[in-house]
């Protein structure tokens, strides 16, 4: 069954249960009926929450319409809480200084045409494999 069918069947079950429980006299109701009503109420609330979550997931987040594409190109740490970062916004690079209390624009540059080649990756792809090979070779030489 789909989630809609589950919701409808739970709603009908709750409706039948609550309508039959209210039709009986208060003196003839067994004590376990109160616990069953509490349990069914909890199930109904949880089902409503699940349906609301499913609907929000289907609808998705609501965009505000004025999204500015911002990309962090790179950065260098200067201390514990200080960094110099390069941020790309609308085809320009903005060099900013970031501290714990504020952010200052240092300069603005035009984005280079070959920007992918200018910025090396922080960790070369084969750095770990080279370190691992050296470590294994050292261990093999000792034995």
C-alpha atoms as a PDB file:
ATOM      1  CA  UNK A   1       0.000   0.000   0.000  1.00  0.00           C
ATOM      2  CA  UNK A   2       1.106   3.540  -0.559  1.00  0.00           C
ATOM      3  CA  UNK A   3       1.500   6.058   2.219  1.00  0.00           C
ATOM      4  CA  UNK A   4      -1.807   7.695   1.234  1.00  0.00           C
ATOM      5  CA  UNK A   5      -3.653   4.412   1.713  1.00  0.00           C
ATOM      6  CA  UNK A   6      -1.938   3.913   5.089  1.00  0.00           C
ATOM      7  CA  UNK A   7      -2.996   7.377   6.173  1.00  0.00           C
ATOM      8  CA  UNK A   8      -6.607   6.824   5.106  1.00  0.00           C
ATOM      9  CA  UNK A   9      -6.811   3.440   6.826  1.00  0.00           C
ATOM     10  CA  UNK A  10      -5.340   4.821  10.066  1.00  0.00           C
ATOM     11  CA  UNK A  11      -7.708   7.793   9.952  1.00  0.00           C
ATOM     12  CA  UNK A  12     -10.729   5.514   9.448  1.00  0.00           C
ATOM     13  CA  UNK A  13      -9.583   3.226  12.251  1.00  0.00           C
ATOM     14  CA  UNK A  14      -9.194   6.199  14.619  1.00  0.00           C
ATOM     15  CA  UNK A  15     -12.565   7.598  13.593  1.00  0.00           C
ATOM     16  CA  UNK A  16     -14.317   4.272  14.200  1.00  0.00           C
ATOM     17  CA  UNK A  17     -12.555   3.755  17.517  1.00  0.00           C
ATOM     18  CA  UNK A  18     -13.243   7.224  18.904  1.00  0.00           C
ATOM     19  CA  UNK A  19     -16.878   7.230  17.756  1.00  0.00           C
ATOM     20  CA  UNK A  20     -17.557   3.832  19.346  1.00  0.00           C
ATOM     21  CA  UNK A  21     -15.764   4.800  22.559  1.00  0.00           C
ATOM     22  CA  UNK A  22     -17.808   7.969  22.975  1.00  0.00           C
ATOM     23  CA  UNK A  23     -21.102   6.102  22.446  1.00  0.00           C
ATOM     24  CA  UNK A  24     -20.614   3.838  25.451  1.00  0.00           C
ATOM     25  CA  UNK A  25     -21.472   4.814  28.988  1.00  0.00           C
ATOM     26  CA  UNK A  26     -18.689   6.061  31.245  1.00  0.00           C
ATOM     27  CA  UNK A  27     -19.421   3.472  33.973  1.00  0.00           C
ATOM     28  CA  UNK A  28     -19.203   0.446  31.677  1.00  0.00           C
ATOM     29  CA  UNK A  29     -15.876   1.341  29.992  1.00  0.00           C
ATOM     30  CA  UNK A  30     -12.993  -0.928  31.041  1.00  0.00           C
ATOM     31  CA  UNK A  31      -9.829   0.815  32.323  1.00  0.00           C
ATOM     32  CA  UNK A  32      -7.719  -0.432  29.422  1.00  0.00           C
ATOM     33  CA  UNK A  33      -9.840   1.581  26.964  1.00  0.00           C
ATOM     34  CA  UNK A  34      -8.311   4.819  28.227  1.00  0.00           C
ATOM     35  CA  UNK A  35      -4.806   3.530  27.515  1.00  0.00           C
ATOM     36  CA  UNK A  36      -5.927   2.327  24.116  1.00  0.00           C
ATOM     37  CA  UNK A  37      -7.350   5.768  23.322  1.00  0.00           C
ATOM     38  CA  UNK A  38      -4.082   7.412  24.378  1.00  0.00           C
ATOM     39  CA  UNK A  39      -2.134   4.968  22.231  1.00  0.00           C
ATOM     40  CA  UNK A  40      -4.381   5.544  19.216  1.00  0.00           C
ATOM     41  CA  UNK A  41      -4.085   9.301  19.678  1.00  0.00           C
ATOM     42  CA  UNK A  42      -0.303   8.962  19.701  1.00  0.00           C
ATOM     43  CA  UNK A  43      -0.427   6.853  16.541  1.00  0.00           C
ATOM     44  CA  UNK A  44      -2.655   9.456  14.868  1.00  0.00           C
ATOM     45  CA  UNK A  45      -0.273  12.302  15.773  1.00  0.00           C
ATOM     46  CA  UNK A  46       2.748  10.332  14.570  1.00  0.00           C
ATOM     47  CA  UNK A  47       0.940   9.512  11.322  1.00  0.00           C
ATOM     48  CA  UNK A  48       0.157  13.197  10.793  1.00  0.00           C
ATOM     49  CA  UNK A  49       3.809  14.062  11.404  1.00  0.00           C
ATOM     50  CA  UNK A  50       4.941  11.395   8.911  1.00  0.00           C
ATOM     51  CA  UNK A  51       2.521  12.682   6.276  1.00  0.00           C
ATOM     52  CA  UNK A  52       3.672  16.269   6.866  1.00  0.00           C
ATOM     53  CA  UNK A  53       7.325  15.214   6.537  1.00  0.00           C
ATOM     54  CA  UNK A  54       6.556  13.314   3.355  1.00  0.00           C
ATOM     55  CA  UNK A  55       4.742  16.328   1.881  1.00  0.00           C
ATOM     56  CA  UNK A  56       7.596  18.667   2.765  1.00  0.00           C
ATOM     57  CA  UNK A  57      10.053  16.265   1.188  1.00  0.00           C
ATOM     58  CA  UNK A  58       7.959  16.108  -1.991  1.00  0.00           C
ATOM     59  CA  UNK A  59       7.519  19.876  -2.195  1.00  0.00           C
ATOM     60  CA  UNK A  60      11.154  20.612  -1.385  1.00  0.00           C
ATOM     61  CA  UNK A  61      12.662  23.744   0.092  1.00  0.00           C
ATOM     62  CA  UNK A  62      11.193  27.030  -1.004  1.00  0.00           C
ATOM     63  CA  UNK A  63      13.810  29.155  -2.779  1.00  0.00           C
ATOM     64  CA  UNK A  64      14.034  32.843  -2.122  1.00  0.00           C
ATOM     65  CA  UNK A  65      14.770  33.714  -5.747  1.00  0.00           C
ATOM     66  CA  UNK A  66      17.868  35.855  -5.220  1.00  0.00           C
ATOM     67  CA  UNK A  67      20.495  33.147  -4.962  1.00  0.00           C
ATOM     68  CA  UNK A  68      24.041  34.396  -5.591  1.00  0.00           C
ATOM     69  CA  UNK A  69      26.473  31.699  -6.720  1.00  0.00           C
ATOM     70  CA  UNK A  70      29.402  31.879  -4.323  1.00  0.00           C
ATOM     71  CA  UNK A  71      32.317  29.474  -4.497  1.00  0.00           C
ATOM     72  CA  UNK A  72      35.294  29.255  -2.168  1.00  0.00           C
ATOM     73  CA  UNK A  73      38.334  28.953  -4.421  1.00  0.00           C
ATOM     74  CA  UNK A  74      40.933  28.480  -1.703  1.00  0.00           C
ATOM     75  CA  UNK A  75      42.341  29.724   1.529  1.00  0.00           C
ATOM     76  CA  UNK A  76      45.422  29.897   3.730  1.00  0.00           C
ATOM     77  CA  UNK A  77      45.470  29.755   7.503  1.00  0.00           C
ATOM     78  CA  UNK A  78      47.531  32.536   9.075  1.00  0.00           C
ATOM     79  CA  UNK A  79      46.948  31.613  12.699  1.00  0.00           C
ATOM     80  CA  UNK A  80      44.470  29.955  14.996  1.00  0.00           C
ATOM     81  CA  UNK A  81      41.556  32.152  13.935  1.00  0.00           C
ATOM     82  CA  UNK A  82      42.866  34.094  10.953  1.00  0.00           C
ATOM     83  CA  UNK A  83      42.598  33.092   7.304  1.00  0.00           C
ATOM     84  CA  UNK A  84      43.013  34.646   3.875  1.00  0.00           C
ATOM     85  CA  UNK A  85      40.459  33.239   1.458  1.00  0.00           C
ATOM     86  CA  UNK A  86      39.727  33.626  -2.239  1.00  0.00           C
ATOM     87  CA  UNK A  87      36.020  33.605  -3.067  1.00  0.00           C
ATOM     88  CA  UNK A  88      34.547  33.537  -6.568  1.00  0.00           C
ATOM     89  CA  UNK A  89      31.411  35.628  -7.069  1.00  0.00           C
ATOM     90  CA  UNK A  90      29.949  36.398 -10.513  1.00  0.00           C
ATOM     91  CA  UNK A  91      33.186  35.816 -12.429  1.00  0.00           C
ATOM     92  CA  UNK A  92      35.374  37.796 -10.023  1.00  0.00           C
ATOM     93  CA  UNK A  93      37.722  36.646  -7.329  1.00  0.00           C
ATOM     94  CA  UNK A  94      37.483  38.451  -4.023  1.00  0.00           C
ATOM     95  CA  UNK A  95      40.397  38.084  -1.609  1.00  0.00           C
ATOM     96  CA  UNK A  96      39.139  38.403   1.961  1.00  0.00           C
ATOM     97  CA  UNK A  97      40.737  38.302   5.373  1.00  0.00           C
ATOM     98  CA  UNK A  98      38.688  36.318   7.868  1.00  0.00           C
ATOM     99  CA  UNK A  99      39.130  36.637  11.624  1.00  0.00           C
ATOM    100  CA  UNK A 100      37.021  35.547  14.566  1.00  0.00           C
ATOM    101  CA  UNK A 101      35.280  38.907  14.745  1.00  0.00           C
ATOM    102  CA  UNK A 102      35.081  40.230  11.162  1.00  0.00           C
ATOM    103  CA  UNK A 103      35.680  39.739   7.435  1.00  0.00           C
ATOM    104  CA  UNK A 104      37.594  42.349   5.405  1.00  0.00           C
ATOM    105  CA  UNK A 105      37.905  42.610   1.634  1.00  0.00           C
ATOM    106  CA  UNK A 106      41.588  42.806   0.731  1.00  0.00           C
ATOM    107  CA  UNK A 107      41.347  43.053  -3.057  1.00  0.00           C
ATOM    108  CA  UNK A 108      39.202  42.128  -6.056  1.00  0.00           C
ATOM    109  CA  UNK A 109      40.602  40.327  -9.091  1.00  0.00           C
ATOM    110  CA  UNK A 110      39.240  39.197 -12.433  1.00  0.00           C
ATOM    111  CA  UNK A 111      38.896  35.428 -12.671  1.00  0.00           C
ATOM    112  CA  UNK A 112      41.770  34.014 -14.741  1.00  0.00           C
ATOM    113  CA  UNK A 113      40.869  32.012 -17.835  1.00  0.00           C
ATOM    114  CA  UNK A 114      42.899  28.995 -16.749  1.00  0.00           C
ATOM    115  CA  UNK A 115      41.885  29.137 -13.095  1.00  0.00           C
ATOM    116  CA  UNK A 116      41.779  25.349 -12.766  1.00  0.00           C
ATOM    117  CA  UNK A 117      45.514  25.134 -13.470  1.00  0.00           C
ATOM    118  CA  UNK A 118      46.473  28.014 -11.158  1.00  0.00           C
ATOM    119  CA  UNK A 119      45.091  26.505  -7.969  1.00  0.00           C
ATOM    120  CA  UNK A 120      46.778  23.241  -7.028  1.00  0.00           C
ATOM    121  CA  UNK A 121      44.850  20.836  -4.917  1.00  0.00           C
ATOM    122  CA  UNK A 122      45.767  20.917  -1.236  1.00  0.00           C
ATOM    123  CA  UNK A 123      46.471  17.164  -1.204  1.00  0.00           C
ATOM    124  CA  UNK A 124      48.020  15.667  -4.334  1.00  0.00           C
ATOM    125  CA  UNK A 125      46.303  12.507  -5.451  1.00  0.00           C
ATOM    126  CA  UNK A 126      49.384  10.332  -5.155  1.00  0.00           C
ATOM    127  CA  UNK A 127      50.815  11.815  -1.938  1.00  0.00           C
ATOM    128  CA  UNK A 128      49.347   9.083   0.263  1.00  0.00           C
ATOM    129  CA  UNK A 129      50.382   6.317  -2.091  1.00  0.00           C
ATOM    130  CA  UNK A 130      53.961   7.670  -2.170  1.00  0.00           C
ATOM    131  CA  UNK A 131      54.061   7.839   1.640  1.00  0.00           C
ATOM    132  CA  UNK A 132      52.675   4.326   1.926  1.00  0.00           C
ATOM    133  CA  UNK A 133      55.235   2.972  -0.543  1.00  0.00           C
ATOM    134  CA  UNK A 134      58.124   4.633   1.333  1.00  0.00           C
ATOM    135  CA  UNK A 135      56.872   3.240   4.645  1.00  0.00           C
ATOM    136  CA  UNK A 136      56.550  -0.292   3.262  1.00  0.00           C
ATOM    137  CA  UNK A 137      60.022  -0.080   1.687  1.00  0.00           C
ATOM    138  CA  UNK A 138      61.543   1.050   4.995  1.00  0.00           C
ATOM    139  CA  UNK A 139      59.904  -1.847   6.844  1.00  0.00           C
ATOM    140  CA  UNK A 140      61.067  -4.326   4.228  1.00  0.00           C
ATOM    141  CA  UNK A 141      64.670  -3.044   4.478  1.00  0.00           C
ATOM    142  CA  UNK A 142      64.680  -3.460   8.268  1.00  0.00           C
ATOM    143  CA  UNK A 143      63.607  -7.113   8.113  1.00  0.00           C
END
